[in-house]
Amino acid sequence: MPRLLTLTTDFGPGSLYVAQLKARLLHAQAGCSLVDIAHDLPAHDVRGASWFIGQACLAFPADTLHLVVIDPGVGTERKLVWARIGTQEFLAPDNGLLTHAMKVAPLQEARLLPVPTDASATFHGRDVIAAAACRLLDGEPAAALGGELTRLEELPEAAPSEGEDGIQGEVRFIDHFGNLLTNIPAEHWPAVVEAGGVVLGDRLIDRPVRTYGDAPPGTAVTLVGSQGVLEIAVVEGSAARLLGGEIGTPVRISRR
């Protein structure tokens, strides 16, 4: 059965760079089942991509190989790595992209990918990461890729905090609909209901609902979304655009 391989980048839909990445993968002698997860992640946004990767990639069957390229530091001294996290394998720049995945599942093993002298200084995704993927697809063990690493770079991750004034979190991710996904887990939903909503920045979102259809179009609501965290949305609209929310915007559940 062909190996399952995924691609996640910020290269953009219809991108020349995506085409060349896939063309390089076709040099493998063994076939693979290729899945495009996303190529329209916000450019250079390692922090947002890290959360996306941790949520999306770990949902795949065991032993899936994930190629992840959001790499604003391409060509610099930052490392390129192969890593096994939980039951999944990743090829990625070591710039914090795998932070959230490592919060969800343990880092089992990691290897350094050497950069060949003839690799483009601006396209390591094609010339290093895709080349390493071909070697793995053709049966080489991960140990042959490079030296062992004991740790990977991790981004500082804000965790929700609880104090006398309530529970403080922040927006962690903005989805395609403009919904604001926070770092506050669903277990705090009773506190949202008791408080009558949440505060986004300095704006009260005072309509807790079970699902989007429980409020009229244009209404700002808060709910527990499908990712198991509190979410702020505008029904049939964009909370990011209409409420001014962005990654890092404070979110608070006040105590009454």
C-alpha atoms as a PDB file:
ATOM      1  CA  MET A   1       0.000   0.000   0.000  1.00  0.00           C
ATOM      2  CA  PRO A   2       1.481   3.433  -0.918  1.00  0.00           C
ATOM      3  CA  ARG A   3       2.695   5.567   1.961  1.00  0.00           C
ATOM      4  CA  LEU A   4       0.438   8.447   3.008  1.00  0.00           C
ATOM      5  CA  LEU A   5       2.211  11.802   2.625  1.00  0.00           C
ATOM      6  CA  THR A   6       0.800  15.274   3.327  1.00  0.00           C
ATOM      7  CA  LEU A   7       1.834  18.801   2.334  1.00  0.00           C
ATOM      8  CA  THR A   8       1.227  21.935   4.396  1.00  0.00           C
ATOM      9  CA  THR A   9       2.737  25.248   3.280  1.00  0.00           C
ATOM     10  CA  ASP A  10       2.199  28.998   3.038  1.00  0.00           C
ATOM     11  CA  PHE A  11       3.127  28.942  -0.663  1.00  0.00           C
ATOM     12  CA  GLY A  12      -0.365  29.906  -1.832  1.00  0.00           C
ATOM     13  CA  PRO A  13      -2.963  28.110  -4.015  1.00  0.00           C
ATOM     14  CA  GLY A  14      -1.929  27.653  -7.640  1.00  0.00           C
ATOM     15  CA  SER A  15       1.683  28.244  -6.588  1.00  0.00           C
ATOM     16  CA  LEU A  16       4.749  27.499  -8.712  1.00  0.00           C
ATOM     17  CA  TYR A  17       6.468  26.448  -5.481  1.00  0.00           C
ATOM     18  CA  VAL A  18       3.833  23.829  -4.680  1.00  0.00           C
ATOM     19  CA  ALA A  19       4.161  22.461  -8.220  1.00  0.00           C
ATOM     20  CA  GLN A  20       7.946  22.152  -7.898  1.00  0.00           C
ATOM     21  CA  LEU A  21       7.655  20.554  -4.468  1.00  0.00           C
ATOM     22  CA  LYS A  22       5.345  17.892  -5.885  1.00  0.00           C
ATOM     23  CA  ALA A  23       7.540  17.422  -8.952  1.00  0.00           C
ATOM     24  CA  ARG A  24      10.518  16.690  -6.685  1.00  0.00           C
ATOM     25  CA  LEU A  25       8.483  14.104  -4.771  1.00  0.00           C
ATOM     26  CA  LEU A  26       7.751  12.272  -8.032  1.00  0.00           C
ATOM     27  CA  HIS A  27      11.462  11.421  -8.264  1.00  0.00           C
ATOM     28  CA  ALA A  28      10.887   8.775  -5.586  1.00  0.00           C
ATOM     29  CA  GLN A  29      10.864   5.244  -6.998  1.00  0.00           C
ATOM     30  CA  ALA A  30       8.082   4.224  -4.636  1.00  0.00           C
ATOM     31  CA  GLY A  31       4.620   5.724  -4.989  1.00  0.00           C
ATOM     32  CA  CYS A  32       2.708   7.576  -2.327  1.00  0.00           C
ATOM     33  CA  SER A  33      -0.797   8.815  -1.629  1.00  0.00           C
ATOM     34  CA  LEU A  34      -0.437  12.590  -1.527  1.00  0.00           C
ATOM     35  CA  VAL A  35      -2.803  14.791   0.482  1.00  0.00           C
ATOM     36  CA  ASP A  36      -2.705  18.587   0.288  1.00  0.00           C
ATOM     37  CA  ILE A  37      -3.692  19.765   3.755  1.00  0.00           C
ATOM     38  CA  ALA A  38      -3.286  23.491   3.062  1.00  0.00           C
ATOM     39  CA  HIS A  39      -1.191  25.882   0.977  1.00  0.00           C
ATOM     40  CA  ASP A  40      -2.968  29.077   1.978  1.00  0.00           C
ATOM     41  CA  LEU A  41      -1.784  29.440   5.571  1.00  0.00           C
ATOM     42  CA  PRO A  42      -0.864  33.058   6.376  1.00  0.00           C
ATOM     43  CA  ALA A  43       2.603  33.772   4.991  1.00  0.00           C
ATOM     44  CA  HIS A  44       5.466  33.547   7.506  1.00  0.00           C
ATOM     45  CA  ASP A  45       3.066  32.943  10.447  1.00  0.00           C
ATOM     46  CA  VAL A  46       4.924  30.195  12.298  1.00  0.00           C
ATOM     47  CA  ARG A  47       2.887  30.610  15.462  1.00  0.00           C
ATOM     48  CA  GLY A  48      -0.500  30.221  13.787  1.00  0.00           C
ATOM     49  CA  ALA A  49       0.787  27.379  11.611  1.00  0.00           C
ATOM     50  CA  SER A  50       2.089  25.520  14.672  1.00  0.00           C
ATOM     51  CA  TRP A  51      -1.390  25.337  16.173  1.00  0.00           C
ATOM     52  CA  PHE A  52      -2.902  24.323  12.820  1.00  0.00           C
ATOM     53  CA  ILE A  53      -0.347  21.534  12.369  1.00  0.00           C
ATOM     54  CA  GLY A  54      -0.882  20.165  15.871  1.00  0.00           C
ATOM     55  CA  GLN A  55      -4.630  19.990  15.298  1.00  0.00           C
ATOM     56  CA  ALA A  56      -4.646  18.755  11.681  1.00  0.00           C
ATOM     57  CA  CYS A  57      -1.651  16.473  11.228  1.00  0.00           C
ATOM     58  CA  LEU A  58      -2.097  14.380  14.362  1.00  0.00           C
ATOM     59  CA  ALA A  59      -5.563  13.346  13.149  1.00  0.00           C
ATOM     60  CA  PHE A  60      -4.050  11.259  10.330  1.00  0.00           C
ATOM     61  CA  PRO A  61      -3.433   7.485  10.450  1.00  0.00           C
ATOM     62  CA  ALA A  62      -0.260   6.281  12.141  1.00  0.00           C
ATOM     63  CA  ASP A  63       3.000   6.562  10.177  1.00  0.00           C
ATOM     64  CA  THR A  64       1.774   9.331   7.889  1.00  0.00           C
ATOM     65  CA  LEU A  65       4.684  11.476   6.671  1.00  0.00           C
ATOM     66  CA  HIS A  66       3.971  15.229   6.880  1.00  0.00           C
ATOM     67  CA  LEU A  67       5.974  17.775   4.887  1.00  0.00           C
ATOM     68  CA  VAL A  68       5.490  21.159   6.514  1.00  0.00           C
ATOM     69  CA  VAL A  69       7.077  24.303   5.069  1.00  0.00           C
ATOM     70  CA  ILE A  70       6.426  27.677   6.687  1.00  0.00           C
ATOM     71  CA  ASP A  71       9.979  28.931   6.699  1.00  0.00           C
ATOM     72  CA  PRO A  72      10.628  32.688   6.949  1.00  0.00           C
ATOM     73  CA  GLY A  73      14.226  31.902   7.979  1.00  0.00           C
ATOM     74  CA  VAL A  74      15.015  29.806   4.876  1.00  0.00           C
ATOM     75  CA  GLY A  75      18.737  29.842   4.100  1.00  0.00           C
ATOM     76  CA  THR A  76      19.780  30.961   7.580  1.00  0.00           C
ATOM     77  CA  GLU A  77      21.344  28.897  10.366  1.00  0.00           C
ATOM     78  CA  ARG A  78      17.995  27.469  11.484  1.00  0.00           C
ATOM     79  CA  LYS A  79      17.922  23.660  11.237  1.00  0.00           C
ATOM     80  CA  LEU A  80      15.848  21.344   9.059  1.00  0.00           C
ATOM     81  CA  VAL A  81      14.648  18.182  10.748  1.00  0.00           C
ATOM     82  CA  TRP A  82      12.879  14.854  10.537  1.00  0.00           C
ATOM     83  CA  ALA A  83      10.889  14.065  13.670  1.00  0.00           C
ATOM     84  CA  ARG A  84       8.573  11.354  14.941  1.00  0.00           C
ATOM     85  CA  ILE A  85       5.932  12.869  17.196  1.00  0.00           C
ATOM     86  CA  GLY A  86       3.508  10.362  18.628  1.00  0.00           C
ATOM     87  CA  THR A  87       2.675   8.047  15.716  1.00  0.00           C
ATOM     88  CA  GLN A  88       3.350  10.657  12.994  1.00  0.00           C
ATOM     89  CA  GLU A  89       6.490  11.637  11.070  1.00  0.00           C
ATOM     90  CA  PHE A  90       7.369  15.197  10.093  1.00  0.00           C
ATOM     91  CA  LEU A  91       9.872  16.899   7.804  1.00  0.00           C
ATOM     92  CA  ALA A  92      10.046  20.600   8.636  1.00  0.00           C
ATOM     93  CA  PRO A  93      12.226  23.578   9.487  1.00  0.00           C
ATOM     94  CA  ASP A  94      13.155  23.613  13.160  1.00  0.00           C
ATOM     95  CA  ASN A  95      11.694  27.044  13.833  1.00  0.00           C
ATOM     96  CA  GLY A  96       8.942  26.192  16.306  1.00  0.00           C
ATOM     97  CA  LEU A  97       6.474  24.821  13.745  1.00  0.00           C
ATOM     98  CA  LEU A  98       6.188  21.545  15.642  1.00  0.00           C
ATOM     99  CA  THR A  99       5.611  23.155  19.055  1.00  0.00           C
ATOM    100  CA  HIS A 100       1.886  22.442  19.320  1.00  0.00           C
ATOM    101  CA  ALA A 101       2.233  18.912  17.936  1.00  0.00           C
ATOM    102  CA  MET A 102       4.739  18.220  20.731  1.00  0.00           C
ATOM    103  CA  LYS A 103       2.238  19.549  23.288  1.00  0.00           C
ATOM    104  CA  VAL A 104      -0.336  17.034  22.044  1.00  0.00           C
ATOM    105  CA  ALA A 105       1.952  14.001  21.573  1.00  0.00           C
ATOM    106  CA  PRO A 106       5.501  13.193  22.736  1.00  0.00           C
ATOM    107  CA  LEU A 107       8.609  13.702  20.631  1.00  0.00           C
ATOM    108  CA  GLN A 108       9.908  10.175  20.033  1.00  0.00           C
ATOM    109  CA  GLU A 109      12.978  10.845  17.869  1.00  0.00           C
ATOM    110  CA  ALA A 110      14.479  13.622  15.758  1.00  0.00           C
ATOM    111  CA  ARG A 111      17.191  13.827  13.089  1.00  0.00           C
ATOM    112  CA  LEU A 112      19.081  16.745  11.543  1.00  0.00           C
ATOM    113  CA  LEU A 113      18.811  17.137   7.752  1.00  0.00           C
ATOM    114  CA  PRO A 114      22.093  18.318   6.219  1.00  0.00           C
ATOM    115  CA  VAL A 115      21.767  21.020   3.547  1.00  0.00           C
ATOM    116  CA  PRO A 116      23.620  20.088   0.316  1.00  0.00           C
ATOM    117  CA  THR A 117      25.923  22.733  -1.106  1.00  0.00           C
ATOM    118  CA  ASP A 118      23.904  22.858  -4.329  1.00  0.00           C
ATOM    119  CA  ALA A 119      20.570  23.470  -2.554  1.00  0.00           C
ATOM    120  CA  SER A 120      18.867  26.767  -3.326  1.00  0.00           C
ATOM    121  CA  ALA A 121      19.291  29.181  -0.422  1.00  0.00           C
ATOM    122  CA  THR A 122      15.638  30.200  -0.809  1.00  0.00           C
ATOM    123  CA  PHE A 123      13.884  26.856  -1.430  1.00  0.00           C
ATOM    124  CA  HIS A 124      14.913  24.247   1.122  1.00  0.00           C
ATOM    125  CA  GLY A 125      11.395  22.800   0.951  1.00  0.00           C
ATOM    126  CA  ARG A 126      12.118  21.471  -2.528  1.00  0.00           C
ATOM    127  CA  ASP A 127      15.852  20.811  -2.331  1.00  0.00           C
ATOM    128  CA  VAL A 128      16.181  19.393   1.195  1.00  0.00           C
ATOM    129  CA  ILE A 129      12.805  18.455   2.677  1.00  0.00           C
ATOM    130  CA  ALA A 130      11.265  16.907  -0.460  1.00  0.00           C
ATOM    131  CA  ALA A 131      14.561  15.160  -1.226  1.00  0.00           C
ATOM    132  CA  ALA A 132      14.556  13.625   2.271  1.00  0.00           C
ATOM    133  CA  ALA A 133      10.956  12.537   1.750  1.00  0.00           C
ATOM    134  CA  CYS A 134      11.978  10.689  -1.419  1.00  0.00           C
ATOM    135  CA  ARG A 135      14.635   8.801   0.499  1.00  0.00           C
ATOM    136  CA  LEU A 136      12.121   7.766   3.168  1.00  0.00           C
ATOM    137  CA  LEU A 137       9.546   6.752   0.553  1.00  0.00           C
ATOM    138  CA  ASP A 138      12.178   4.566  -1.117  1.00  0.00           C
ATOM    139  CA  GLY A 139      12.841   2.701   2.115  1.00  0.00           C
ATOM    140  CA  GLU A 140      15.814   4.412   3.748  1.00  0.00           C
ATOM    141  CA  PRO A 141      15.620   4.453   7.551  1.00  0.00           C
ATOM    142  CA  ALA A 142      15.273   7.820   9.234  1.00  0.00           C
ATOM    143  CA  ALA A 143      18.618   7.223  10.970  1.00  0.00           C
ATOM    144  CA  ALA A 144      20.327   7.554   7.573  1.00  0.00           C
ATOM    145  CA  LEU A 145      19.081  11.121   7.126  1.00  0.00           C
ATOM    146  CA  GLY A 146      21.373  12.730   9.684  1.00  0.00           C
ATOM    147  CA  GLY A 147      22.553  12.986  13.253  1.00  0.00           C
ATOM    148  CA  GLU A 148      20.229  12.559  16.214  1.00  0.00           C
ATOM    149  CA  LEU A 149      18.743  15.600  17.958  1.00  0.00           C
ATOM    150  CA  THR A 150      17.590  15.512  21.570  1.00  0.00           C
ATOM    151  CA  ARG A 151      15.299  18.530  21.371  1.00  0.00           C
ATOM    152  CA  LEU A 152      13.542  20.789  18.878  1.00  0.00           C
ATOM    153  CA  GLU A 153      12.882  24.507  18.969  1.00  0.00           C
ATOM    154  CA  GLU A 154       9.673  25.442  20.759  1.00  0.00           C
ATOM    155  CA  LEU A 155       7.692  28.652  20.610  1.00  0.00           C
ATOM    156  CA  PRO A 156       6.667  30.308  23.871  1.00  0.00           C
ATOM    157  CA  GLU A 157       3.115  29.052  24.333  1.00  0.00           C
ATOM    158  CA  ALA A 158       0.664  31.172  26.282  1.00  0.00           C
ATOM    159  CA  ALA A 159      -1.537  29.081  28.528  1.00  0.00           C
ATOM    160  CA  PRO A 160      -4.802  30.398  29.974  1.00  0.00           C
ATOM    161  CA  SER A 161      -4.479  31.674  33.522  1.00  0.00           C
ATOM    162  CA  GLU A 162      -7.019  31.896  36.315  1.00  0.00           C
ATOM    163  CA  GLY A 163      -7.122  34.630  38.923  1.00  0.00           C
ATOM    164  CA  GLU A 164      -9.454  36.693  41.060  1.00  0.00           C
ATOM    165  CA  ASP A 165     -10.765  38.593  38.028  1.00  0.00           C
ATOM    166  CA  GLY A 166     -11.530  35.441  36.053  1.00  0.00           C
ATOM    167  CA  ILE A 167      -9.916  33.342  33.345  1.00  0.00           C
ATOM    168  CA  GLN A 168      -7.524  35.056  30.918  1.00  0.00           C
ATOM    169  CA  GLY A 169      -6.621  33.586  27.525  1.00  0.00           C
ATOM    170  CA  GLU A 170      -6.026  34.763  23.987  1.00  0.00           C
ATOM    171  CA  VAL A 171      -6.895  34.150  20.353  1.00  0.00           C
ATOM    172  CA  ARG A 172      -4.703  31.329  19.072  1.00  0.00           C
ATOM    173  CA  PHE A 173      -5.964  30.763  15.512  1.00  0.00           C
ATOM    174  CA  ILE A 174      -8.258  32.355  12.922  1.00  0.00           C
ATOM    175  CA  ASP A 175     -10.018  29.958  10.571  1.00  0.00           C
ATOM    176  CA  HIS A 176     -11.240  30.449   6.989  1.00  0.00           C
ATOM    177  CA  PHE A 177     -14.571  31.866   8.214  1.00  0.00           C
ATOM    178  CA  GLY A 178     -12.920  34.469  10.416  1.00  0.00           C
ATOM    179  CA  ASN A 179     -13.828  32.604  13.608  1.00  0.00           C
ATOM    180  CA  LEU A 180     -11.467  33.321  16.500  1.00  0.00           C
ATOM    181  CA  LEU A 181     -10.291  30.109  18.191  1.00  0.00           C
ATOM    182  CA  THR A 182      -8.882  30.696  21.658  1.00  0.00           C
ATOM    183  CA  ASN A 183      -6.516  28.779  23.928  1.00  0.00           C
ATOM    184  CA  ILE A 184      -9.262  28.406  26.559  1.00  0.00           C
ATOM    185  CA  PRO A 185     -10.432  24.767  26.723  1.00  0.00           C
ATOM    186  CA  ALA A 186     -14.077  23.714  26.644  1.00  0.00           C
ATOM    187  CA  GLU A 187     -14.030  22.787  30.335  1.00  0.00           C
ATOM    188  CA  HIS A 188     -14.451  26.497  31.108  1.00  0.00           C
ATOM    189  CA  TRP A 189     -17.779  26.748  29.261  1.00  0.00           C
ATOM    190  CA  PRO A 190     -19.842  26.802  32.503  1.00  0.00           C
ATOM    191  CA  ALA A 191     -17.906  29.925  33.531  1.00  0.00           C
ATOM    192  CA  VAL A 192     -18.785  31.546  30.181  1.00  0.00           C
ATOM    193  CA  VAL A 193     -22.484  30.841  30.715  1.00  0.00           C
ATOM    194  CA  GLU A 194     -22.328  32.157  34.295  1.00  0.00           C
ATOM    195  CA  ALA A 195     -20.528  35.327  33.156  1.00  0.00           C
ATOM    196  CA  GLY A 196     -22.924  35.850  30.266  1.00  0.00           C
ATOM    197  CA  GLY A 197     -20.185  35.733  27.641  1.00  0.00           C
ATOM    198  CA  VAL A 198     -16.526  36.642  27.190  1.00  0.00           C
ATOM    199  CA  VAL A 199     -14.534  39.833  26.708  1.00  0.00           C
ATOM    200  CA  LEU A 200     -12.501  40.091  23.487  1.00  0.00           C
ATOM    201  CA  GLY A 201      -9.939  42.837  24.005  1.00  0.00           C
ATOM    202  CA  ASP A 202     -12.222  45.414  25.623  1.00  0.00           C
ATOM    203  CA  ARG A 203     -15.448  44.289  23.900  1.00  0.00           C
ATOM    204  CA  LEU A 204     -18.064  42.128  25.608  1.00  0.00           C
ATOM    205  CA  ILE A 205     -19.382  39.236  23.501  1.00  0.00           C
ATOM    206  CA  ASP A 206     -22.591  38.615  25.432  1.00  0.00           C
ATOM    207  CA  ARG A 207     -24.278  35.819  23.469  1.00  0.00           C
ATOM    208  CA  PRO A 208     -23.175  32.307  24.558  1.00  0.00           C
ATOM    209  CA  VAL A 209     -24.691  29.736  22.168  1.00  0.00           C
ATOM    210  CA  ARG A 210     -24.482  26.014  21.456  1.00  0.00           C
ATOM    211  CA  THR A 211     -24.088  26.430  17.694  1.00  0.00           C
ATOM    212  CA  TYR A 212     -23.963  29.189  15.071  1.00  0.00           C
ATOM    213  CA  GLY A 213     -27.602  28.782  14.052  1.00  0.00           C
ATOM    214  CA  ASP A 214     -28.784  29.692  17.565  1.00  0.00           C
ATOM    215  CA  ALA A 215     -28.416  33.416  16.824  1.00  0.00           C
ATOM    216  CA  PRO A 216     -29.430  35.674  13.917  1.00  0.00           C
ATOM    217  CA  PRO A 217     -26.937  36.501  11.126  1.00  0.00           C
ATOM    218  CA  GLY A 218     -24.545  39.257  12.108  1.00  0.00           C
ATOM    219  CA  THR A 219     -24.649  38.415  15.834  1.00  0.00           C
ATOM    220  CA  ALA A 220     -21.368  38.124  17.717  1.00  0.00           C
ATOM    221  CA  VAL A 221     -21.404  34.881  19.717  1.00  0.00           C
ATOM    222  CA  THR A 222     -19.166  32.640  21.768  1.00  0.00           C
ATOM    223  CA  LEU A 223     -19.379  28.860  21.794  1.00  0.00           C
ATOM    224  CA  VAL A 224     -17.379  25.652  22.126  1.00  0.00           C
ATOM    225  CA  GLY A 225     -16.131  24.843  18.621  1.00  0.00           C
ATOM    226  CA  SER A 226     -15.192  21.551  17.023  1.00  0.00           C
ATOM    227  CA  GLN A 227     -11.560  21.834  18.197  1.00  0.00           C
ATOM    228  CA  GLY A 228     -12.554  21.643  21.865  1.00  0.00           C
ATOM    229  CA  VAL A 229     -11.786  25.286  22.689  1.00  0.00           C
ATOM    230  CA  LEU A 230     -13.833  28.439  23.197  1.00  0.00           C
ATOM    231  CA  GLU A 231     -14.487  30.235  19.952  1.00  0.00           C
ATOM    232  CA  ILE A 232     -15.732  33.720  19.124  1.00  0.00           C
ATOM    233  CA  ALA A 233     -17.707  34.063  15.902  1.00  0.00           C
ATOM    234  CA  VAL A 234     -20.043  36.340  13.990  1.00  0.00           C
ATOM    235  CA  VAL A 235     -22.948  34.343  12.588  1.00  0.00           C
ATOM    236  CA  GLU A 236     -22.566  34.244   8.783  1.00  0.00           C
ATOM    237  CA  GLY A 237     -19.812  36.837   9.094  1.00  0.00           C
ATOM    238  CA  SER A 238     -16.140  37.244  10.066  1.00  0.00           C
ATOM    239  CA  ALA A 239     -15.294  37.889  13.710  1.00  0.00           C
ATOM    240  CA  ALA A 240     -11.721  38.702  12.697  1.00  0.00           C
ATOM    241  CA  ARG A 241     -12.910  41.487  10.395  1.00  0.00           C
ATOM    242  CA  LEU A 242     -15.980  42.753  12.237  1.00  0.00           C
ATOM    243  CA  LEU A 243     -14.649  42.538  15.803  1.00  0.00           C
ATOM    244  CA  GLY A 244     -11.016  43.336  15.064  1.00  0.00           C
ATOM    245  CA  GLY A 245      -9.699  40.122  16.617  1.00  0.00           C
ATOM    246  CA  GLU A 246      -6.296  38.751  15.672  1.00  0.00           C
ATOM    247  CA  ILE A 247      -3.868  36.138  16.959  1.00  0.00           C
ATOM    248  CA  GLY A 248      -2.808  37.206  20.440  1.00  0.00           C
ATOM    249  CA  THR A 249      -5.848  39.371  21.201  1.00  0.00           C
ATOM    250  CA  PRO A 250      -6.728  38.893  24.915  1.00  0.00           C
ATOM    251  CA  VAL A 251      -9.887  36.960  25.792  1.00  0.00           C
ATOM    252  CA  ARG A 252     -11.288  37.031  29.328  1.00  0.00           C
ATOM    253  CA  ILE A 253     -14.050  35.223  31.186  1.00  0.00           C
ATOM    254  CA  SER A 254     -14.952  37.609  33.994  1.00  0.00           C
ATOM    255  CA  ARG A 255     -16.058  36.528  37.442  1.00  0.00           C
ATOM    256  CA  ARG A 256     -19.396  37.861  38.632  1.00  0.00           C
END
